[in-house]
PDB file of all heavy atoms in Angstrom:
ATOM      1  N   LEU A   1       2.225  -1.533   6.529  1.00  0.00           N
ATOM      2  CA  LEU A   1       3.207  -0.755   7.272  1.00  0.00           C
ATOM      3  C   LEU A   1       4.428  -0.431   6.419  1.00  0.00           C
ATOM      4  O   LEU A   1       4.904   0.706   6.403  1.00  0.00           O
ATOM      5  CB  LEU A   1       3.633  -1.505   8.531  1.00  0.00           C
ATOM      6  CG  LEU A   1       4.637  -0.794   9.436  1.00  0.00           C
ATOM      7  CD1 LEU A   1       4.017   0.472   9.989  1.00  0.00           C
ATOM      8  CD2 LEU A   1       5.084  -1.708  10.548  1.00  0.00           C
ATOM      9  N   SER A   2       4.925  -1.409   5.683  1.00  0.00           N
ATOM     10  CA  SER A   2       6.087  -1.141   4.824  1.00  0.00           C
ATOM     11  C   SER A   2       5.716  -0.182   3.691  1.00  0.00           C
ATOM     12  O   SER A   2       6.525   0.652   3.288  1.00  0.00           O
ATOM     13  CB  SER A   2       6.648  -2.442   4.255  1.00  0.00           C
ATOM     14  OG  SER A   2       5.736  -3.035   3.371  1.00  0.00           O
ATOM     15  N   GLY A   3       4.513  -0.275   3.191  1.00  0.00           N
ATOM     16  CA  GLY A   3       4.065   0.660   2.168  1.00  0.00           C
ATOM     17  C   GLY A   3       3.916   2.067   2.698  1.00  0.00           C
ATOM     18  O   GLY A   3       4.202   3.039   1.996  1.00  0.00           O
ATOM     19  N   ALA A   4       3.483   2.200   3.947  1.00  0.00           N
ATOM     20  CA  ALA A   4       3.360   3.528   4.548  1.00  0.00           C
ATOM     21  C   ALA A   4       4.729   4.168   4.726  1.00  0.00           C
ATOM     22  O   ALA A   4       4.900   5.372   4.494  1.00  0.00           O
ATOM     23  CB  ALA A   4       2.635   3.433   5.882  1.00  0.00           C
ATOM     24  N   VAL A   5       5.717   3.381   5.101  1.00  0.00           N
ATOM     25  CA  VAL A   5       7.083   3.899   5.197  1.00  0.00           C
ATOM     26  C   VAL A   5       7.581   4.291   3.809  1.00  0.00           C
ATOM     27  O   VAL A   5       8.242   5.315   3.635  1.00  0.00           O
ATOM     28  CB  VAL A   5       8.017   2.856   5.855  1.00  0.00           C
ATOM     29  CG1 VAL A   5       9.473   3.260   5.749  1.00  0.00           C
ATOM     30  CG2 VAL A   5       7.631   2.648   7.310  1.00  0.00           C
ATOM     31  N   GLY A   6       7.254   3.496   2.816  1.00  0.00           N
ATOM     32  CA  GLY A   6       7.636   3.808   1.449  1.00  0.00           C
ATOM     33  C   GLY A   6       7.005   5.096   0.954  1.00  0.00           C
ATOM     34  O   GLY A   6       7.628   5.847   0.203  1.00  0.00           O
ATOM     35  N   LEU A   7       5.782   5.364   1.358  1.00  0.00           N
ATOM     36  CA  LEU A   7       5.129   6.616   0.956  1.00  0.00           C
ATOM     37  C   LEU A   7       5.873   7.831   1.482  1.00  0.00           C
ATOM     38  O   LEU A   7       5.914   8.872   0.838  1.00  0.00           O
ATOM     39  CB  LEU A   7       3.685   6.656   1.462  1.00  0.00           C
ATOM     40  CG  LEU A   7       2.687   5.809   0.706  1.00  0.00           C
ATOM     41  CD1 LEU A   7       1.313   5.937   1.337  1.00  0.00           C
ATOM     42  CD2 LEU A   7       2.624   6.206  -0.735  1.00  0.00           C
ATOM     43  N   LEU A   8       6.463   7.694   2.651  1.00  0.00           N
ATOM     44  CA  LEU A   8       7.226   8.811   3.203  1.00  0.00           C
ATOM     45  C   LEU A   8       8.556   9.003   2.477  1.00  0.00           C
ATOM     46  O   LEU A   8       9.086  10.103   2.434  1.00  0.00           O
ATOM     47  CB  LEU A   8       7.482   8.574   4.692  1.00  0.00           C
ATOM     48  CG  LEU A   8       6.246   8.535   5.576  1.00  0.00           C
ATOM     49  CD1 LEU A   8       6.619   8.143   6.990  1.00  0.00           C
ATOM     50  CD2 LEU A   8       5.536   9.865   5.555  1.00  0.00           C
ATOM     51  N   ARG A   9       9.088   7.947   1.897  1.00  0.00           N
ATOM     52  CA  ARG A   9      10.411   8.013   1.287  1.00  0.00           C
ATOM     53  C   ARG A   9      10.400   8.248  -0.220  1.00  0.00           C
ATOM     54  O   ARG A   9      11.431   8.596  -0.787  1.00  0.00           O
ATOM     55  CB  ARG A   9      11.158   6.721   1.580  1.00  0.00           C
ATOM     56  CG  ARG A   9      11.396   6.504   3.065  1.00  0.00           C
ATOM     57  CD  ARG A   9      12.239   5.317   3.279  1.00  0.00           C
ATOM     58  NE  ARG A   9      13.449   5.439   2.471  1.00  0.00           N
ATOM     59  CZ  ARG A   9      14.676   5.408   2.944  1.00  0.00           C
ATOM     60  NH1 ARG A   9      14.852   5.247   4.222  1.00  0.00           N
ATOM     61  NH2 ARG A   9      15.716   5.502   2.142  1.00  0.00           N
ATOM     62  N   LEU A  10       9.292   8.026  -0.870  1.00  0.00           N
ATOM     63  CA  LEU A  10       9.249   8.178  -2.329  1.00  0.00           C
ATOM     64  C   LEU A  10       9.339   9.649  -2.724  1.00  0.00           C
ATOM     65  O   LEU A  10       8.835  10.522  -2.022  1.00  0.00           O
ATOM     66  CB  LEU A  10       7.983   7.534  -2.888  1.00  0.00           C
ATOM     67  CG  LEU A  10       7.978   6.011  -2.814  1.00  0.00           C
ATOM     68  CD1 LEU A  10       6.623   5.465  -3.202  1.00  0.00           C
ATOM     69  CD2 LEU A  10       9.051   5.418  -3.686  1.00  0.00           C
ATOM     70  N   PRO A  11       9.973   9.944  -3.880  1.00  0.00           N
ATOM     71  CA  PRO A  11      10.334  11.330  -4.186  1.00  0.00           C
ATOM     72  C   PRO A  11       9.212  12.236  -4.684  1.00  0.00           C
ATOM     73  O   PRO A  11       9.195  13.416  -4.353  1.00  0.00           O
ATOM     74  CB  PRO A  11      11.403  11.183  -5.276  1.00  0.00           C
ATOM     75  CG  PRO A  11      11.115   9.888  -5.923  1.00  0.00           C
ATOM     76  CD  PRO A  11      10.545   9.010  -4.849  1.00  0.00           C
ATOM     77  N   ASP A  12       8.282  11.748  -5.486  1.00  0.00           N
ATOM     78  CA  ASP A  12       7.297  12.662  -6.058  1.00  0.00           C
ATOM     79  C   ASP A  12       5.898  12.078  -5.964  1.00  0.00           C
ATOM     80  O   ASP A  12       5.685  10.966  -5.501  1.00  0.00           O
ATOM     81  CB  ASP A  12       7.647  13.038  -7.501  1.00  0.00           C
ATOM     82  CG  ASP A  12       7.624  11.850  -8.439  1.00  0.00           C
ATOM     83  OD1 ASP A  12       7.557  10.713  -7.963  1.00  0.00           O
ATOM     84  OD2 ASP A  12       7.674  12.063  -9.664  1.00  0.00           O
ATOM     85  N   PHE A  13       4.936  12.884  -6.415  1.00  0.00           N
ATOM     86  CA  PHE A  13       3.523  12.530  -6.284  1.00  0.00           C
ATOM     87  C   PHE A  13       3.180  11.230  -6.999  1.00  0.00           C
ATOM     88  O   PHE A  13       2.452  10.398  -6.467  1.00  0.00           O
ATOM     89  CB  PHE A  13       2.659  13.677  -6.831  1.00  0.00           C
ATOM     90  CG  PHE A  13       1.203  13.359  -6.876  1.00  0.00           C
ATOM     91  CD1 PHE A  13       0.452  13.360  -5.723  1.00  0.00           C
ATOM     92  CD2 PHE A  13       0.595  13.035  -8.074  1.00  0.00           C
ATOM     93  CE1 PHE A  13      -0.898  13.051  -5.756  1.00  0.00           C
ATOM     94  CE2 PHE A  13      -0.750  12.728  -8.123  1.00  0.00           C
ATOM     95  CZ  PHE A  13      -1.493  12.734  -6.954  1.00  0.00           C
ATOM     96  N   PHE A  14       3.704  11.055  -8.193  1.00  0.00           N
ATOM     97  CA  PHE A  14       3.324   9.889  -8.990  1.00  0.00           C
ATOM     98  C   PHE A  14       3.889   8.594  -8.409  1.00  0.00           C
ATOM     99  O   PHE A  14       3.236   7.564  -8.440  1.00  0.00           O
ATOM    100  CB  PHE A  14       3.748  10.091 -10.441  1.00  0.00           C
ATOM    101  CG  PHE A  14       3.039  11.238 -11.089  1.00  0.00           C
ATOM    102  CD1 PHE A  14       3.667  12.453 -11.260  1.00  0.00           C
ATOM    103  CD2 PHE A  14       1.719  11.107 -11.487  1.00  0.00           C
ATOM    104  CE1 PHE A  14       3.004  13.513 -11.840  1.00  0.00           C
ATOM    105  CE2 PHE A  14       1.041  12.160 -12.063  1.00  0.00           C
ATOM    106  CZ  PHE A  14       1.686  13.369 -12.235  1.00  0.00           C
ATOM    107  N   CYS A  15       5.101   8.659  -7.868  1.00  0.00           N
ATOM    108  CA  CYS A  15       5.653   7.480  -7.193  1.00  0.00           C
ATOM    109  C   CYS A  15       4.854   7.152  -5.935  1.00  0.00           C
ATOM    110  O   CYS A  15       4.577   5.997  -5.639  1.00  0.00           O
ATOM    111  CB  CYS A  15       7.116   7.714  -6.830  1.00  0.00           C
ATOM    112  SG  CYS A  15       8.216   7.732  -8.231  1.00  0.00           S
ATOM    113  N   ARG A  16       4.493   8.185  -5.201  1.00  0.00           N
ATOM    114  CA  ARG A  16       3.686   7.971  -3.993  1.00  0.00           C
ATOM    115  C   ARG A  16       2.308   7.419  -4.338  1.00  0.00           C
ATOM    116  O   ARG A  16       1.765   6.582  -3.619  1.00  0.00           O
ATOM    117  CB  ARG A  16       3.552   9.269  -3.224  1.00  0.00           C
ATOM    118  CG  ARG A  16       4.838   9.696  -2.590  1.00  0.00           C
ATOM    119  CD  ARG A  16       4.686  10.990  -1.837  1.00  0.00           C
ATOM    120  NE  ARG A  16       5.986  11.375  -1.313  1.00  0.00           N
ATOM    121  CZ  ARG A  16       6.388  12.609  -1.169  1.00  0.00           C
ATOM    122  NH1 ARG A  16       5.574  13.599  -1.495  1.00  0.00           N
ATOM    123  NH2 ARG A  16       7.569  12.872  -0.693  1.00  0.00           N
ATOM    124  N   LEU A  17       1.759   7.877  -5.444  1.00  0.00           N
ATOM    125  CA  LEU A  17       0.460   7.382  -5.883  1.00  0.00           C
ATOM    126  C   LEU A  17       0.538   5.902  -6.233  1.00  0.00           C
ATOM    127  O   LEU A  17      -0.360   5.127  -5.899  1.00  0.00           O
ATOM    128  CB  LEU A  17      -0.035   8.199  -7.075  1.00  0.00           C
ATOM    129  CG  LEU A  17      -1.430   7.903  -7.581  1.00  0.00           C
ATOM    130  CD1 LEU A  17      -2.460   8.213  -6.505  1.00  0.00           C
ATOM    131  CD2 LEU A  17      -1.708   8.728  -8.815  1.00  0.00           C
ATOM    132  N   HIS A  18       1.623   5.503  -6.885  1.00  0.00           N
ATOM    133  CA  HIS A  18       1.812   4.090  -7.203  1.00  0.00           C
ATOM    134  C   HIS A  18       1.961   3.271  -5.922  1.00  0.00           C
ATOM    135  O   HIS A  18       1.370   2.196  -5.792  1.00  0.00           O
ATOM    136  CB  HIS A  18       3.042   3.913  -8.082  1.00  0.00           C
ATOM    137  CG  HIS A  18       3.390   2.484  -8.314  1.00  0.00           C
ATOM    138  ND1 HIS A  18       2.626   1.643  -9.093  1.00  0.00           N
ATOM    139  CD2 HIS A  18       4.420   1.735  -7.853  1.00  0.00           C
ATOM    140  CE1 HIS A  18       3.171   0.446  -9.100  1.00  0.00           C
ATOM    141  NE2 HIS A  18       4.254   0.473  -8.351  1.00  0.00           N
ATOM    142  N   GLY A  19       2.731   3.787  -4.967  1.00  0.00           N
ATOM    143  CA  GLY A  19       2.893   3.089  -3.694  1.00  0.00           C
ATOM    144  C   GLY A  19       1.573   2.945  -2.945  1.00  0.00           C
ATOM    145  O   GLY A  19       1.289   1.902  -2.354  1.00  0.00           O
ATOM    146  N   ALA A  20       0.770   3.985  -2.978  1.00  0.00           N
ATOM    147  CA  ALA A  20      -0.533   3.916  -2.313  1.00  0.00           C
ATOM    148  C   ALA A  20      -1.445   2.897  -2.982  1.00  0.00           C
ATOM    149  O   ALA A  20      -2.208   2.197  -2.312  1.00  0.00           O
ATOM    150  CB  ALA A  20      -1.185   5.291  -2.314  1.00  0.00           C
ATOM    151  N   GLY A  21      -1.361   2.800  -4.299  1.00  0.00           N
ATOM    152  CA  GLY A  21      -2.169   1.802  -5.004  1.00  0.00           C
ATOM    153  C   GLY A  21      -1.765   0.386  -4.662  1.00  0.00           C
ATOM    154  O   GLY A  21      -2.604  -0.501  -4.509  1.00  0.00           O
ATOM    155  N   VAL A  22      -0.457   0.158  -4.521  1.00  0.00           N
ATOM    156  CA  VAL A  22       0.024  -1.172  -4.148  1.00  0.00           C
ATOM    157  C   VAL A  22      -0.414  -1.518  -2.732  1.00  0.00           C
ATOM    158  O   VAL A  22      -0.851  -2.641  -2.448  1.00  0.00           O
ATOM    159  CB  VAL A  22       1.559  -1.252  -4.300  1.00  0.00           C
ATOM    160  CG1 VAL A  22       2.104  -2.512  -3.680  1.00  0.00           C
ATOM    161  CG2 VAL A  22       1.935  -1.163  -5.766  1.00  0.00           C
ATOM    162  N   ILE A  23      -0.295  -0.545  -1.835  1.00  0.00           N
ATOM    163  CA  ILE A  23      -0.741  -0.778  -0.457  1.00  0.00           C
ATOM    164  C   ILE A  23      -2.224  -1.116  -0.449  1.00  0.00           C
ATOM    165  O   ILE A  23      -2.670  -2.039   0.232  1.00  0.00           O
ATOM    166  CB  ILE A  23      -0.504   0.467   0.416  1.00  0.00           C
ATOM    167  CG1 ILE A  23       0.969   0.703   0.634  1.00  0.00           C
ATOM    168  CG2 ILE A  23      -1.201   0.332   1.749  1.00  0.00           C
ATOM    169  CD1 ILE A  23       1.258   2.032   1.285  1.00  0.00           C
ATOM    170  N   ASP A  24      -2.972  -0.358  -1.216  1.00  0.00           N
ATOM    171  CA  ASP A  24      -4.419  -0.520  -1.209  1.00  0.00           C
ATOM    172  C   ASP A  24      -4.831  -1.888  -1.741  1.00  0.00           C
ATOM    173  O   ASP A  24      -5.720  -2.525  -1.189  1.00  0.00           O
ATOM    174  CB  ASP A  24      -5.047   0.593  -2.041  1.00  0.00           C
ATOM    175  CG  ASP A  24      -6.521   0.748  -1.780  1.00  0.00           C
ATOM    176  OD1 ASP A  24      -6.969   0.340  -0.704  1.00  0.00           O
ATOM    177  OD2 ASP A  24      -7.212   1.285  -2.642  1.00  0.00           O
ATOM    178  N   THR A  25      -4.190  -2.345  -2.799  1.00  0.00           N
ATOM    179  CA  THR A  25      -4.624  -3.617  -3.378  1.00  0.00           C
ATOM    180  C   THR A  25      -4.026  -4.817  -2.659  1.00  0.00           C
ATOM    181  O   THR A  25      -4.746  -5.737  -2.285  1.00  0.00           O
ATOM    182  CB  THR A  25      -4.287  -3.685  -4.870  1.00  0.00           C
ATOM    183  OG1 THR A  25      -2.907  -3.421  -5.049  1.00  0.00           O
ATOM    184  CG2 THR A  25      -5.099  -2.694  -5.651  1.00  0.00           C
ATOM    185  N   LEU A  26      -2.717  -4.819  -2.447  1.00  0.00           N
ATOM    186  CA  LEU A  26      -2.091  -6.001  -1.846  1.00  0.00           C
ATOM    187  C   LEU A  26      -2.352  -6.082  -0.348  1.00  0.00           C
ATOM    188  O   LEU A  26      -2.808  -7.115   0.157  1.00  0.00           O
ATOM    189  CB  LEU A  26      -0.589  -5.999  -2.117  1.00  0.00           C
ATOM    190  CG  LEU A  26       0.186  -7.198  -1.579  1.00  0.00           C
ATOM    191  CD1 LEU A  26      -0.315  -8.476  -2.237  1.00  0.00           C
ATOM    192  CD2 LEU A  26       1.663  -7.034  -1.803  1.00  0.00           C
ATOM    193  N   GLY A  27      -2.076  -5.009   0.366  1.00  0.00           N
ATOM    194  CA  GLY A  27      -2.248  -5.029   1.821  1.00  0.00           C
ATOM    195  C   GLY A  27      -3.695  -5.203   2.243  1.00  0.00           C
ATOM    196  O   GLY A  27      -4.025  -6.064   3.065  1.00  0.00           O
ATOM    197  N   ALA A  28      -4.559  -4.402   1.665  1.00  0.00           N
ATOM    198  CA  ALA A  28      -5.976  -4.518   2.016  1.00  0.00           C
ATOM    199  C   ALA A  28      -6.562  -5.824   1.500  1.00  0.00           C
ATOM    200  O   ALA A  28      -7.455  -6.394   2.126  1.00  0.00           O
ATOM    201  CB  ALA A  28      -6.752  -3.333   1.462  1.00  0.00           C
ATOM    202  N   GLY A  29      -6.053  -6.313   0.367  1.00  0.00           N
ATOM    203  CA  GLY A  29      -6.517  -7.611  -0.138  1.00  0.00           C
ATOM    204  C   GLY A  29      -6.186  -8.749   0.820  1.00  0.00           C
ATOM    205  O   GLY A  29      -7.004  -9.645   1.042  1.00  0.00           O
ATOM    206  N   LEU A  30      -4.981  -8.708   1.392  1.00  0.00           N
ATOM    207  CA  LEU A  30      -4.615  -9.734   2.375  1.00  0.00           C
ATOM    208  C   LEU A  30      -5.455  -9.619   3.642  1.00  0.00           C
ATOM    209  O   LEU A  30      -5.856 -10.635   4.225  1.00  0.00           O
ATOM    210  CB  LEU A  30      -3.127  -9.635   2.703  1.00  0.00           C
ATOM    211  CG  LEU A  30      -2.177 -10.124   1.619  1.00  0.00           C
ATOM    212  CD1 LEU A  30      -0.740  -9.768   1.970  1.00  0.00           C
ATOM    213  CD2 LEU A  30      -2.320 -11.612   1.409  1.00  0.00           C
ATOM    214  N   VAL A  31      -5.714  -8.395   4.062  1.00  0.00           N
ATOM    215  CA  VAL A  31      -6.555  -8.208   5.258  1.00  0.00           C
ATOM    216  C   VAL A  31      -7.982  -8.689   4.980  1.00  0.00           C
ATOM    217  O   VAL A  31      -8.602  -9.345   5.829  1.00  0.00           O
ATOM    218  CB  VAL A  31      -6.526  -6.725   5.701  1.00  0.00           C
ATOM    219  CG1 VAL A  31      -7.560  -6.451   6.777  1.00  0.00           C
ATOM    220  CG2 VAL A  31      -5.140  -6.360   6.189  1.00  0.00           C
ATOM    221  N   ILE A  32      -8.488  -8.419   3.799  1.00  0.00           N
ATOM    222  CA  ILE A  32      -9.836  -8.878   3.451  1.00  0.00           C
ATOM    223  C   ILE A  32      -9.874 -10.405   3.362  1.00  0.00           C
ATOM    224  O   ILE A  32     -10.834 -11.034   3.806  1.00  0.00           O
ATOM    225  CB  ILE A  32     -10.305  -8.208   2.146  1.00  0.00           C
ATOM    226  CG1 ILE A  32     -10.685  -6.763   2.448  1.00  0.00           C
ATOM    227  CG2 ILE A  32     -11.477  -8.941   1.520  1.00  0.00           C
ATOM    228  CD1 ILE A  32     -11.050  -5.959   1.253  1.00  0.00           C
ATOM    229  N   LEU A  33      -8.830 -11.001   2.810  1.00  0.00           N
ATOM    230  CA  LEU A  33      -8.760 -12.462   2.767  1.00  0.00           C
ATOM    231  C   LEU A  33      -8.711 -13.052   4.177  1.00  0.00           C
ATOM    232  O   LEU A  33      -9.344 -14.071   4.452  1.00  0.00           O
ATOM    233  CB  LEU A  33      -7.548 -12.897   1.950  1.00  0.00           C
ATOM    234  CG  LEU A  33      -7.447 -14.369   1.603  1.00  0.00           C
ATOM    235  CD1 LEU A  33      -8.641 -14.800   0.760  1.00  0.00           C
ATOM    236  CD2 LEU A  33      -6.150 -14.641   0.870  1.00  0.00           C
ATOM    237  N   ALA A  34      -7.987 -12.385   5.077  1.00  0.00           N
ATOM    238  CA  ALA A  34      -7.954 -12.829   6.469  1.00  0.00           C
ATOM    239  C   ALA A  34      -9.336 -12.730   7.108  1.00  0.00           C
ATOM    240  O   ALA A  34      -9.766 -13.641   7.847  1.00  0.00           O
ATOM    241  CB  ALA A  34      -6.950 -12.002   7.264  1.00  0.00           C
ATOM    242  N   MET A  35     -10.043 -11.639   6.825  1.00  0.00           N
ATOM    243  CA  MET A  35     -11.393 -11.501   7.373  1.00  0.00           C
ATOM    244  C   MET A  35     -12.329 -12.559   6.813  1.00  0.00           C
ATOM    245  O   MET A  35     -13.255 -13.003   7.489  1.00  0.00           O
ATOM    246  CB  MET A  35     -11.945 -10.097   7.082  1.00  0.00           C
ATOM    247  CG  MET A  35     -11.253  -9.029   7.868  1.00  0.00           C
ATOM    248  SD  MET A  35     -11.947  -7.360   7.780  1.00  0.00           S
ATOM    249  CE  MET A  35     -12.584  -7.207   6.164  1.00  0.00           C
ATOM    250  N   LEU A  36     -12.071 -12.975   5.587  1.00  0.00           N
ATOM    251  CA  LEU A  36     -12.870 -14.043   4.987  1.00  0.00           C
ATOM    252  C   LEU A  36     -12.671 -15.350   5.746  1.00  0.00           C
ATOM    253  O   LEU A  36     -13.624 -16.084   6.000  1.00  0.00           O
ATOM    254  CB  LEU A  36     -12.494 -14.198   3.515  1.00  0.00           C
ATOM    255  CG  LEU A  36     -13.379 -15.047   2.643  1.00  0.00           C
ATOM    256  CD1 LEU A  36     -14.777 -14.454   2.578  1.00  0.00           C
ATOM    257  CD2 LEU A  36     -12.794 -15.156   1.255  1.00  0.00           C
ATOM    258  N   PHE A  37     -11.424 -15.649   6.104  1.00  0.00           N
ATOM    259  CA  PHE A  37     -11.158 -16.856   6.885  1.00  0.00           C
ATOM    260  C   PHE A  37     -11.706 -16.758   8.303  1.00  0.00           C
ATOM    261  O   PHE A  37     -12.104 -17.764   8.889  1.00  0.00           O
ATOM    262  CB  PHE A  37      -9.649 -17.131   6.957  1.00  0.00           C
ATOM    263  CG  PHE A  37      -9.111 -17.852   5.774  1.00  0.00           C
ATOM    264  CD1 PHE A  37      -8.381 -17.180   4.822  1.00  0.00           C
ATOM    265  CD2 PHE A  37      -9.335 -19.210   5.612  1.00  0.00           C
ATOM    266  CE1 PHE A  37      -7.879 -17.837   3.719  1.00  0.00           C
ATOM    267  CE2 PHE A  37      -8.844 -19.881   4.513  1.00  0.00           C
ATOM    268  CZ  PHE A  37      -8.109 -19.195   3.562  1.00  0.00           C
TER     269      PHE A  37
END
């Protein structure tokens, strides 16, 4: 959720791409770890 808000606020494509990558790895990684438990 915080990464999605950040995607709306970041200034250009490359910053948004970096934010999306962080969301994808950290956020989805935590959700996958939760599903593992």
